[in-house]
Structure formats: C-alpha cells, structure tokens
C-alpha cells in the first residue's frame, strides 16, 4: 500500500486517510481491496487482477487524485519556516516545591531542589518583560503557572498576574494565563481570584478514588481524593463548566482507564484528558505487552463517547479532537508544542529551559531571563527537530497530528529528541484512528 495513505477498519467502516492532504474518506470493501495494490498509475494491473468491475472504482479514485484528496503531493518544510522560532509562551515554575508526593512525577515534586525554592515576584515580572521584549511582533502570548504546586506561592502569583494584566493594556497585547494545580490549596478565596483574573485551570485528577489515591498521596502518605474533589467541583461550577481541563494519568495499574473517564464524567466533569504515564523501571510503567488492552480500552471509550453524545450530555475528550481542515497551520504541525524555540520554561531563579520537563538539567539550560537574548545553540536544535528531520516519522500516517511526539519523552526514553518514544507513538496512532472514526459520524 502507498505510504501516503492510511486505510484501516474501525468497527463497521473502512476508513481512508490521505496523509498529506488530511482528506478523510469512507470506502466499501471492494475499494478497500483495490487500494491495497493501487498506486495511482497501475490501472491495467488492477483491472487484470480485479476484473472489469474495477473500472468504476478506479474512475472514482482518479477523481479524488485530481482533487488533491488522494495521493496528494508530499509536504515539505514550509519556505517561510523561519530558521529561528518566535517565542510566544512561557511556563513559569512558580514553586519548585509540592505538597503531594505523586509516584510518577517527572520532577519528583521539587526538580531536585532541596531548598524547595519559590520564584520571587521580581523574577516572575522579569519573565513577562522578557517575553514581550523577545517577541514584540506578536499580539498573543501565553503564560502557564506551573510547579510543583504553584498555589504554594500565592504572593508571586498575584503580583505577576497583576503585572501581566497591566502590560497587556500598556502594549496592546493579549496574554492568556493558565494554572495547573493539584487542588489541595484551592479555597473559595483562591477560586474567586482565579475567576476574576480569567485564569484557565488544569486540574489534576486520576479518575476513580482508588486509582487517584494509589498514585497521588500527600507528603504525609495520606489520601487526597476526598480533599480535592469538592474543591474541583466548586471551581468548575463557579465558571459554568468552562475554561478548565480535568487532566489525569493512567498507568499499568489501571489499564481499564475508561472506568476512570466514567468516574470523572459521573462526578460532573465534561472537559477531560487522560494521558499514559511515561516511565522506566517502575511497576506502573506501560510496556509493549500492555498495548492490546490499551487499544481495546480506547475503542470502548469511543462507544461511551458516542453514547453520551446521543443522550444530549456529551463530554470533550482531548485526544478525540481532530482538525481535518488543513489546520492547524503547517508550521504548527511541523514543530508541535514549540518547546525550546517557541516555548520556554523559567525556573524559580530565572534560568531558561526548553520546557518544564527539562528544568534542572544543566545540559539543557538555555540562558536566563536576565540576558538580552538566549545565547545557547539548543533552541536551534529544537527548532530543527521537526517531523521532516525524524526518520521514523517519514512514513507514519500520524505525523501531521502528533508532530513527532513529545521532545522530553523522546529524550527521557531514547536519549535523543529525534528518536520518537515508540510506545507513545503506538498509543497516539490508536487515538488518532478513534478520532478519525468519530469524525466520520
């Protein structure tokens, strides 16, 4: 089969994706068989093998080819893909400290910082200045407040938020603010402040009570589910069920994770994301042998997704959202999240790293926000670590949707940003097939 198409069976449908154009088609069994051999130029061989009845199918396939919806020309790096990225977002590590001790935390809660440092207000404000000065041509920016647990540092959080809002007006810019929290320090006062300042929130919950408590205990080893669930509900209700994401992690310990999605749904949450853990040498690490069960679970989730939609009370699952319109733009599909060249993480002392998962790793330090510019050559390496420079991505049907996967996962699992994390790839491809199926309904 031609590498520029992906033909797969999902439930009762033969689904055809033209990789380069993102065109999606449903084909019958006869057409599916012909597509196994058809390359757009071998009509005579197809007719010889499948008979005269193949002529009508070939006519339809050639129509799609002429419409650039089948065997579309392979895309290349856009001519206007700048050699250097334009920084558009920062992740401020407000606190290198946490009040939880989650087993799978990539940072160990404190990024190895024994002092449990918190970002001073002046560093956070300087980060805002750095962003605006580095990319003055942009209109829209994003700043993510992250940790550890960012609510451990409310003083800086409040000061930098006020500062960012003032700079918006001063420079006629838009700065989207987002905060990721484990919920332990959410109070009515904090929730009100988040709402007043229009801060999007990512809420960490792993689904069922037993699953969540097994992986996300506090520093004293106590369960946290019952402490945070009412706070999350109150926050979501206070903003009419909008401007939030409920994000969880599943591991080898809960491969029946559709039950965790259902638990979140039954508790009233409708904007959901559940990510596979990325880990080595742990009893909860996902391995290749887990993939068949994971694939079955996503198919089960598709059924639940459809069922809930039919009842008139649907939910949004992050990985079932797919854009087949040719968007996002090719630049975005080439460079993915932009870590290291369009997106930087700022440590509590102002040091810059490609993203939050690289914080504290000296070999990935880019510079500091106190420099006039980033002097490291690392951003160039990340800028060039796009799908056209990743050999394993060249023939993958998912390349324009995953953009080569997470750089940090690639480094952590394979030691190389150009070497995709294989298990992550397989899971991503299955989720994409689920999303494509849903797009045909």
Protein backbone atom coordinates (compact mmCIF):
# COMPACT_ATOMS: atom_id res chain seq x y z
CA UNK A 1 0.00 0.00 0.00
CA UNK A 2 1.16 3.54 -0.77
CA UNK A 3 2.74 5.17 2.29
CA UNK A 4 0.82 8.38 1.62
CA UNK A 5 -2.48 6.79 2.58
CA UNK A 6 -3.68 5.03 5.69
CA UNK A 7 -6.51 2.55 5.28
CA UNK A 8 -7.93 0.90 8.36
CA UNK A 9 -11.02 -0.91 9.55
CA UNK A 10 -12.80 0.53 12.57
CA UNK A 11 -15.94 -1.26 13.66
CA UNK A 12 -18.09 -1.45 10.51
CA UNK A 13 -16.20 1.06 8.38
CA UNK A 14 -13.23 1.07 6.02
CA UNK A 15 -11.67 4.47 6.66
CA UNK A 16 -9.14 6.05 4.33
CA UNK A 17 -6.91 8.94 5.34
CA UNK A 18 -4.85 10.71 2.72
CA UNK A 19 -1.85 11.59 4.85
CA UNK A 20 -0.59 14.69 3.04
CA UNK A 21 -3.95 16.40 2.49
CA UNK A 22 -5.70 15.09 5.65
CA UNK A 23 -8.66 14.17 3.43
CA UNK A 24 -10.86 11.51 5.01
CA UNK A 25 -12.99 9.01 3.09
CA UNK A 26 -15.21 6.03 3.81
CA UNK A 27 -14.80 3.27 1.24
CA UNK A 28 -16.58 -0.01 0.58
CA UNK A 29 -14.92 -3.41 0.86
CA UNK A 30 -14.21 -3.65 -2.89
CA UNK A 31 -12.48 -0.28 -2.96
CA UNK A 32 -10.51 -1.16 0.18
CA UNK A 33 -9.17 -4.29 -1.52
CA UNK A 34 -8.12 -2.35 -4.63
CA UNK A 35 -6.39 0.30 -2.54
CA UNK A 36 -4.09 -2.39 -1.17
CA UNK A 37 -2.49 -2.54 -4.65
CA UNK A 38 -3.37 0.76 -6.32
CA UNK A 39 -0.65 3.42 -6.65
CA UNK A 40 -2.45 5.86 -8.94
CA UNK A 41 -0.63 4.71 -12.08
CA UNK A 42 -1.21 0.97 -12.39
CA UNK A 43 -4.80 0.79 -13.65
CA UNK A 44 -4.09 -2.03 -16.08
CA UNK A 45 -2.70 -4.28 -13.37
CA UNK A 46 -5.68 -3.51 -11.13
CA UNK A 47 -8.16 -4.40 -13.88
CA UNK A 48 -6.21 -7.54 -14.67
CA UNK A 49 -6.36 -8.62 -11.02
CA UNK A 50 -9.86 -7.47 -10.05
CA UNK A 51 -11.74 -7.54 -13.35
CA UNK A 52 -13.72 -5.05 -15.41
CA UNK A 53 -15.85 -4.06 -12.41
CA UNK A 54 -12.76 -2.28 -11.02
CA UNK A 55 -13.02 0.39 -13.74
CA UNK A 56 -15.78 2.33 -11.98
CA UNK A 57 -13.85 2.30 -8.71
CA UNK A 58 -10.68 3.45 -10.48
CA UNK A 59 -12.61 6.32 -12.04
CA UNK A 60 -13.71 7.47 -8.57
CA UNK A 61 -10.17 7.13 -7.21
CA UNK A 62 -8.72 9.18 -10.06
CA UNK A 63 -11.32 11.87 -9.37
CA UNK A 64 -10.01 12.08 -5.81
CA UNK A 65 -6.44 12.24 -7.09
CA UNK A 66 -7.34 15.14 -9.37
CA UNK A 67 -8.99 16.89 -6.43
CA UNK A 68 -5.78 16.51 -4.39
CA UNK A 69 -7.68 14.35 -1.92
CA UNK A 70 -5.78 11.13 -2.62
CA UNK A 71 -2.05 10.59 -3.08
CA UNK A 72 -1.60 14.31 -2.54
CA UNK A 73 1.86 15.75 -3.07
CA UNK A 74 4.13 15.27 -0.10
CA UNK A 75 4.53 18.33 2.05
CA UNK A 76 7.96 19.73 2.87
CA UNK A 77 9.31 22.25 5.34
CA UNK A 78 7.43 25.48 4.54
CA UNK A 79 9.51 28.02 2.62
CA UNK A 80 8.69 30.64 5.23
CA UNK A 81 9.64 28.38 8.15
CA UNK A 82 11.97 30.74 9.96
CA UNK A 83 15.42 29.45 10.98
CA UNK A 84 14.68 30.76 14.46
CA UNK A 85 11.46 30.46 16.44
CA UNK A 86 9.47 33.37 17.80
CA UNK A 87 8.86 32.84 21.50
CA UNK A 88 5.15 33.01 22.20
CA UNK A 89 4.74 31.32 25.58
CA UNK A 90 6.48 30.75 28.88
CA UNK A 91 5.97 28.22 31.64
CA UNK A 92 6.80 29.84 34.97
CA UNK A 93 7.82 27.31 37.60
CA UNK A 94 6.34 29.39 40.40
CA UNK A 95 7.31 26.83 43.03
CA UNK A 96 9.92 24.10 42.90
CA UNK A 97 8.03 22.54 45.74
CA UNK A 98 4.88 20.47 46.15
CA UNK A 99 2.51 19.30 48.86
CA UNK A 100 1.94 15.95 47.14
CA UNK A 101 4.24 13.01 46.53
CA UNK A 102 2.85 11.56 43.29
CA UNK A 103 4.66 8.37 42.37
CA UNK A 104 5.04 9.20 38.68
CA UNK A 105 6.02 12.89 38.96
CA UNK A 106 8.75 13.68 36.43
CA UNK A 107 10.11 16.40 38.74
CA UNK A 108 9.93 14.48 41.98
CA UNK A 109 7.87 17.40 43.23
CA UNK A 110 10.80 19.79 43.59
CA UNK A 111 13.01 19.33 40.49
CA UNK A 112 15.78 18.10 42.77
CA UNK A 113 15.86 21.47 44.54
CA UNK A 114 16.44 20.61 48.19
CA UNK A 115 15.64 24.19 49.17
CA UNK A 116 12.09 23.89 47.74
CA UNK A 117 12.61 27.25 46.08
CA UNK A 118 9.80 29.61 45.21
CA UNK A 119 10.00 32.20 42.43
CA UNK A 120 10.35 35.76 43.75
CA UNK A 121 7.91 38.34 42.33
CA UNK A 122 10.71 40.28 40.65
CA UNK A 123 11.82 37.17 38.71
CA UNK A 124 8.27 36.47 37.55
CA UNK A 125 7.81 40.09 36.41
CA UNK A 126 11.14 39.98 34.60
CA UNK A 127 9.90 36.87 32.77
CA UNK A 128 6.89 38.85 31.50
CA UNK A 129 9.24 41.60 30.30
CA UNK A 130 11.48 39.00 28.65
CA UNK A 131 8.54 37.53 26.73
CA UNK A 132 7.30 40.88 25.45
CA UNK A 133 10.79 42.10 24.56
CA UNK A 134 11.86 38.87 22.87
CA UNK A 135 8.85 38.72 20.55
CA UNK A 136 7.49 42.29 20.19
CA UNK A 137 5.86 41.45 16.85
CA UNK A 138 3.37 39.08 18.44
CA UNK A 139 -0.11 40.11 19.55
CA UNK A 140 -1.00 36.99 21.54
CA UNK A 141 1.07 35.30 24.23
CA UNK A 142 0.57 32.61 26.84
CA UNK A 143 2.00 32.20 30.32
CA UNK A 144 1.49 28.96 32.24
CA UNK A 145 1.87 28.89 36.01
CA UNK A 146 3.32 25.55 36.99
CA UNK A 147 5.14 23.70 39.75
CA UNK A 148 5.48 21.66 41.88
CA UNK A 149 2.31 23.29 43.08
CA UNK A 150 2.02 26.95 42.03
CA UNK A 151 -0.57 27.78 44.70
CA UNK A 152 2.20 27.37 47.27
CA UNK A 153 3.42 30.76 46.07
CA UNK A 154 0.33 32.98 46.05
CA UNK A 155 2.32 36.15 46.66
CA UNK A 156 4.22 35.88 43.38
CA UNK A 157 1.20 34.51 41.57
CA UNK A 158 -0.90 37.53 42.45
CA UNK A 159 1.84 40.07 41.76
CA UNK A 160 2.83 38.68 38.37
CA UNK A 161 -0.81 38.32 37.30
CA UNK A 162 -1.48 41.97 38.07
CA UNK A 163 1.75 42.89 36.30
CA UNK A 164 0.88 40.85 33.19
CA UNK A 165 -2.60 42.37 33.00
CA UNK A 166 -1.11 45.87 33.25
CA UNK A 167 1.41 45.09 30.49
CA UNK A 168 -1.39 43.83 28.28
CA UNK A 169 -3.03 47.23 28.35
CA UNK A 170 0.23 49.15 28.12
CA UNK A 171 1.40 47.30 24.99
CA UNK A 172 -2.00 46.42 23.50
CA UNK A 173 -1.34 42.68 23.79
CA UNK A 174 -3.30 39.59 24.83
CA UNK A 175 -1.74 37.31 27.44
CA UNK A 176 -3.56 34.07 28.17
CA UNK A 177 -2.86 32.84 31.70
CA UNK A 178 -3.15 29.18 32.69
CA UNK A 179 -2.51 27.45 36.01
CA UNK A 180 -2.05 23.76 36.75
CA UNK A 181 -2.98 22.69 40.26
CA UNK A 182 -3.44 19.57 42.36
CA UNK A 183 -6.26 21.36 44.19
CA UNK A 184 -5.07 20.94 47.75
CA UNK A 185 -4.82 24.68 48.33
CA UNK A 186 -7.94 25.69 46.45
CA UNK A 187 -10.17 27.77 48.72
CA UNK A 188 -13.21 29.85 47.95
CA UNK A 189 -10.99 32.92 48.02
CA UNK A 190 -8.44 31.43 45.61
CA UNK A 191 -11.18 30.23 43.27
CA UNK A 192 -12.74 33.68 43.23
CA UNK A 193 -9.36 35.24 42.46
CA UNK A 194 -8.72 32.80 39.60
CA UNK A 195 -12.11 33.61 38.12
CA UNK A 196 -11.71 37.37 38.49
CA UNK A 197 -8.40 37.22 36.65
CA UNK A 198 -9.66 34.94 33.88
CA UNK A 199 -7.04 32.28 34.52
CA UNK A 200 -7.64 28.96 32.78
CA UNK A 201 -7.06 25.98 35.03
CA UNK A 202 -5.79 22.45 34.55
CA UNK A 203 -6.99 20.27 37.42
CA UNK A 204 -5.12 17.08 38.23
CA UNK A 205 -7.33 14.09 38.99
CA UNK A 206 -6.65 10.48 38.04
CA UNK A 207 -10.23 9.23 37.84
CA UNK A 208 -11.55 6.74 40.36
CA UNK A 209 -10.92 7.33 44.04
CA UNK A 210 -8.88 4.16 44.47
CA UNK A 211 -6.73 4.88 41.39
CA UNK A 212 -6.12 8.50 42.34
CA UNK A 213 -5.23 7.72 45.95
CA UNK A 214 -2.84 4.95 44.93
CA UNK A 215 -0.68 7.35 42.90
CA UNK A 216 -1.34 10.83 44.31
CA UNK A 217 -0.85 10.88 48.08
CA UNK A 218 0.28 13.89 50.07
CA UNK A 219 3.71 14.27 51.64
CA UNK A 220 2.48 12.51 54.76
CA UNK A 221 1.32 9.50 52.77
CA UNK A 222 -2.38 10.32 53.17
CA UNK A 223 -5.10 10.06 50.52
CA UNK A 224 -6.09 13.23 48.66
CA UNK A 225 -9.14 12.39 46.54
CA UNK A 226 -11.80 13.38 49.04
CA UNK A 227 -9.94 16.58 49.84
CA UNK A 228 -9.73 17.90 46.30
CA UNK A 229 -12.88 16.61 44.57
CA UNK A 230 -15.32 19.04 46.25
CA UNK A 231 -12.94 21.92 45.50
CA UNK A 232 -12.70 21.00 41.84
CA UNK A 233 -16.47 20.74 41.57
CA UNK A 234 -16.95 24.12 43.19
CA UNK A 235 -14.42 25.77 40.88
CA UNK A 236 -15.89 24.24 37.72
CA UNK A 237 -19.44 25.15 38.74
CA UNK A 238 -18.34 28.72 39.51
CA UNK A 239 -17.27 29.15 35.88
CA UNK A 240 -20.29 27.39 34.39
CA UNK A 241 -18.34 24.33 33.33
CA UNK A 242 -15.94 26.24 31.09
CA UNK A 243 -12.33 27.38 30.96
CA UNK A 244 -10.84 24.30 32.60
CA UNK A 245 -9.39 20.88 31.85
CA UNK A 246 -9.56 17.88 34.14
CA UNK A 247 -6.35 16.02 33.42
CA UNK A 248 -5.35 12.60 34.68
CA UNK A 249 -2.65 10.00 34.16
CA UNK A 250 -3.22 6.30 33.67
CA UNK A 251 -0.60 3.64 34.32
CA UNK A 252 -0.15 -0.10 34.03
CA UNK A 253 -2.08 -0.29 37.30
CA UNK A 254 -5.33 0.96 35.70
CA UNK A 255 -5.39 -0.20 32.12
CA UNK A 256 -9.19 -0.25 32.42
CA UNK A 257 -9.00 3.54 32.32
CA UNK A 258 -12.38 4.02 30.68
CA UNK A 259 -13.69 3.46 34.19
CA UNK A 260 -11.68 6.49 35.28
CA UNK A 261 -13.12 8.61 32.48
CA UNK A 262 -16.60 7.47 33.53
CA UNK A 263 -15.82 8.33 37.14
CA UNK A 264 -14.82 11.85 36.13
CA UNK A 265 -17.93 12.14 33.98
CA UNK A 266 -20.21 10.87 36.75
CA UNK A 267 -18.77 13.48 39.11
CA UNK A 268 -19.93 16.18 36.70
CA UNK A 269 -16.80 16.98 34.69
CA UNK A 270 -17.13 17.29 30.93
CA UNK A 271 -13.75 18.56 29.66
CA UNK A 272 -11.38 15.66 30.11
CA UNK A 273 -7.90 14.43 29.30
CA UNK A 274 -6.24 11.22 30.41
CA UNK A 275 -2.60 10.63 29.47
CA UNK A 276 -0.48 7.47 29.57
CA UNK A 277 2.34 7.56 32.10
CA UNK A 278 5.85 7.76 30.68
CA UNK A 279 8.18 5.83 32.95
CA UNK A 280 11.01 3.33 33.05
CA UNK A 281 11.74 0.58 35.53
CA UNK A 282 8.62 1.09 37.62
CA UNK A 283 5.87 -1.36 38.46
CA UNK A 284 3.35 1.10 37.00
CA UNK A 285 5.27 1.68 33.72
CA UNK A 286 3.43 0.92 30.49
CA UNK A 287 5.16 -1.66 28.31
CA UNK A 288 4.58 -3.08 24.86
CA UNK A 289 2.62 -6.01 26.26
CA UNK A 290 0.02 -3.56 27.59
CA UNK A 291 -0.77 -2.09 24.16
CA UNK A 292 -3.51 -4.55 23.06
CA UNK A 293 -5.51 -3.84 26.22
CA UNK A 294 -4.93 -0.11 25.86
CA UNK A 295 -6.16 -0.21 22.25
CA UNK A 296 -9.30 -2.10 23.30
CA UNK A 297 -9.88 0.43 26.03
CA UNK A 298 -9.81 3.35 23.59
CA UNK A 299 -12.32 1.57 21.38
CA UNK A 300 -14.51 1.09 24.43
CA UNK A 301 -14.14 4.81 25.14
CA UNK A 302 -15.34 5.58 21.62
CA UNK A 303 -18.58 3.70 22.37
CA UNK A 304 -19.03 5.61 25.62
CA UNK A 305 -18.29 8.89 23.87
CA UNK A 306 -20.94 8.20 21.23
CA UNK A 307 -23.47 7.01 23.80
CA UNK A 308 -23.09 10.13 25.93
CA UNK A 309 -23.40 12.34 22.87
CA UNK A 310 -26.67 10.64 21.94
CA UNK A 311 -28.08 11.30 25.39
CA UNK A 312 -27.52 15.03 24.89
CA UNK A 313 -24.93 15.25 27.65
CA UNK A 314 -21.60 14.76 25.83
CA UNK A 315 -18.07 15.19 27.10
CA UNK A 316 -14.97 16.59 25.46
CA UNK A 317 -12.04 14.16 25.40
CA UNK A 318 -8.85 15.93 24.38
CA UNK A 319 -7.43 13.19 22.17
CA UNK A 320 -10.65 12.71 20.21
CA UNK A 321 -10.44 16.26 18.86
CA UNK A 322 -9.01 16.25 15.35
CA UNK A 323 -8.80 19.01 12.73
CA UNK A 324 -9.06 17.76 9.15
CA UNK A 325 -9.35 21.16 7.53
CA UNK A 326 -5.66 21.50 6.87
CA UNK A 327 -5.19 23.20 10.21
CA UNK A 328 -3.56 23.97 12.42
CA UNK A 329 -1.12 25.62 10.05
CA UNK A 330 1.74 23.57 8.66
CA UNK A 331 4.21 25.42 10.88
CA UNK A 332 2.38 24.14 13.94
CA UNK A 333 2.12 20.62 12.58
CA UNK A 334 5.85 20.65 11.83
CA UNK A 335 7.03 21.98 15.19
CA UNK A 336 4.38 20.67 17.60
CA UNK A 337 4.42 22.35 21.02
CA UNK A 338 7.38 24.55 20.11
CA UNK A 339 9.43 23.51 23.15
CA UNK A 340 12.89 25.02 23.08
CA UNK A 341 12.25 27.56 20.34
CA UNK A 342 8.73 28.98 20.71
CA UNK A 343 8.10 27.94 24.28
CA UNK A 344 10.47 28.18 27.26
CA UNK A 345 10.24 27.18 30.90
CA UNK A 346 11.53 29.57 33.55
CA UNK A 347 12.95 28.11 36.77
CA UNK A 348 12.47 29.88 40.09
CA UNK A 349 15.85 31.65 39.71
CA UNK A 350 15.15 32.82 36.15
CA UNK A 351 17.08 30.13 34.30
CA UNK A 352 15.56 29.12 30.95
CA UNK A 353 14.96 25.60 29.71
CA UNK A 354 13.20 24.10 26.63
CA UNK A 355 10.16 23.09 28.71
CA UNK A 356 9.14 22.24 32.26
CA UNK A 357 10.36 18.65 31.92
CA UNK A 358 13.93 19.85 31.28
CA UNK A 359 14.13 22.19 34.26
CA UNK A 360 17.18 21.49 36.41
CA UNK A 361 19.05 19.58 33.69
CA UNK A 362 22.19 21.65 33.20
CA UNK A 363 22.88 20.33 29.72
CA UNK A 364 19.58 21.87 28.56
CA UNK A 365 19.94 25.28 30.18
CA UNK A 366 19.36 27.97 27.53
CA UNK A 367 20.37 31.04 29.50
CA UNK A 368 18.43 33.30 31.84
CA UNK A 369 15.68 35.85 31.54
CA UNK A 370 18.19 38.46 32.66
CA UNK A 371 20.17 38.13 29.41
CA UNK A 372 19.28 40.27 26.45
CA UNK A 373 18.94 37.12 24.35
CA UNK A 374 19.30 33.35 24.61
CA UNK A 375 22.91 32.55 23.72
CA UNK A 376 22.64 28.77 23.72
CA UNK A 377 22.54 26.80 20.47
CA UNK A 378 19.91 24.48 21.94
CA UNK A 379 16.90 26.40 20.55
CA UNK A 380 18.26 25.83 17.04
CA UNK A 381 18.47 22.10 17.70
CA UNK A 382 14.88 22.04 18.92
CA UNK A 383 13.75 24.21 16.02
CA UNK A 384 15.22 21.66 13.62
CA UNK A 385 13.80 18.65 15.49
CA UNK A 386 10.66 18.63 13.37
CA UNK A 387 8.94 15.75 11.62
CA UNK A 388 10.91 16.15 8.40
CA UNK A 389 14.13 15.52 10.31
CA UNK A 390 12.88 12.49 12.22
CA UNK A 391 13.49 9.36 10.10
CA UNK A 392 10.87 7.24 11.88
CA UNK A 393 8.20 9.84 11.19
CA UNK A 394 8.58 9.93 7.43
CA UNK A 395 6.21 7.07 6.64
CA UNK A 396 3.90 7.46 9.64
CA UNK A 397 0.28 8.38 8.93
CA UNK A 398 0.01 10.30 12.21
CA UNK A 399 2.95 12.63 11.65
CA UNK A 400 0.92 15.78 10.94
CA UNK A 401 -1.21 15.22 14.04
CA UNK A 402 1.44 14.35 16.63
CA UNK A 403 4.38 16.22 15.04
CA UNK A 404 6.88 13.63 16.17
CA UNK A 405 5.81 13.34 19.78
CA UNK A 406 6.99 14.98 22.97
CA UNK A 407 10.65 16.04 22.90
CA UNK A 408 11.04 15.41 26.63
CA UNK A 409 9.59 11.90 26.34
CA UNK A 410 11.90 11.18 23.40
CA UNK A 411 14.93 12.30 25.40
CA UNK A 412 13.88 10.56 28.61
CA UNK A 413 13.17 7.25 26.92
CA UNK A 414 15.63 7.24 24.00
CA UNK A 415 18.19 9.93 24.83
CA UNK A 416 17.51 11.78 21.58
CA UNK A 417 14.91 14.37 20.58
CA UNK A 418 14.93 12.93 17.05
CA UNK A 419 14.09 9.42 18.24
CA UNK A 420 10.34 9.11 18.95
CA UNK A 421 9.19 7.20 22.02
CA UNK A 422 7.76 4.05 20.43
CA UNK A 423 5.04 3.18 22.93
CA UNK A 424 3.84 6.77 22.87
CA UNK A 425 3.72 6.58 19.07
CA UNK A 426 1.58 3.45 19.09
CA UNK A 427 -0.87 4.92 21.58
CA UNK A 428 -1.06 8.16 19.60
CA UNK A 429 -1.81 6.28 16.38
CA UNK A 430 -4.63 4.35 18.03
CA UNK A 431 -6.15 7.50 19.49
CA UNK A 432 -5.97 9.13 16.08
CA UNK A 433 -7.81 6.24 14.46
CA UNK A 434 -10.50 6.60 17.11
CA UNK A 435 -10.75 10.33 16.41
CA UNK A 436 -10.91 9.78 12.65
CA UNK A 437 -13.70 7.26 13.09
CA UNK A 438 -15.65 9.74 15.20
CA UNK A 439 -15.09 12.37 12.53
CA UNK A 440 -16.99 10.18 10.04
CA UNK A 441 -20.16 10.03 12.13
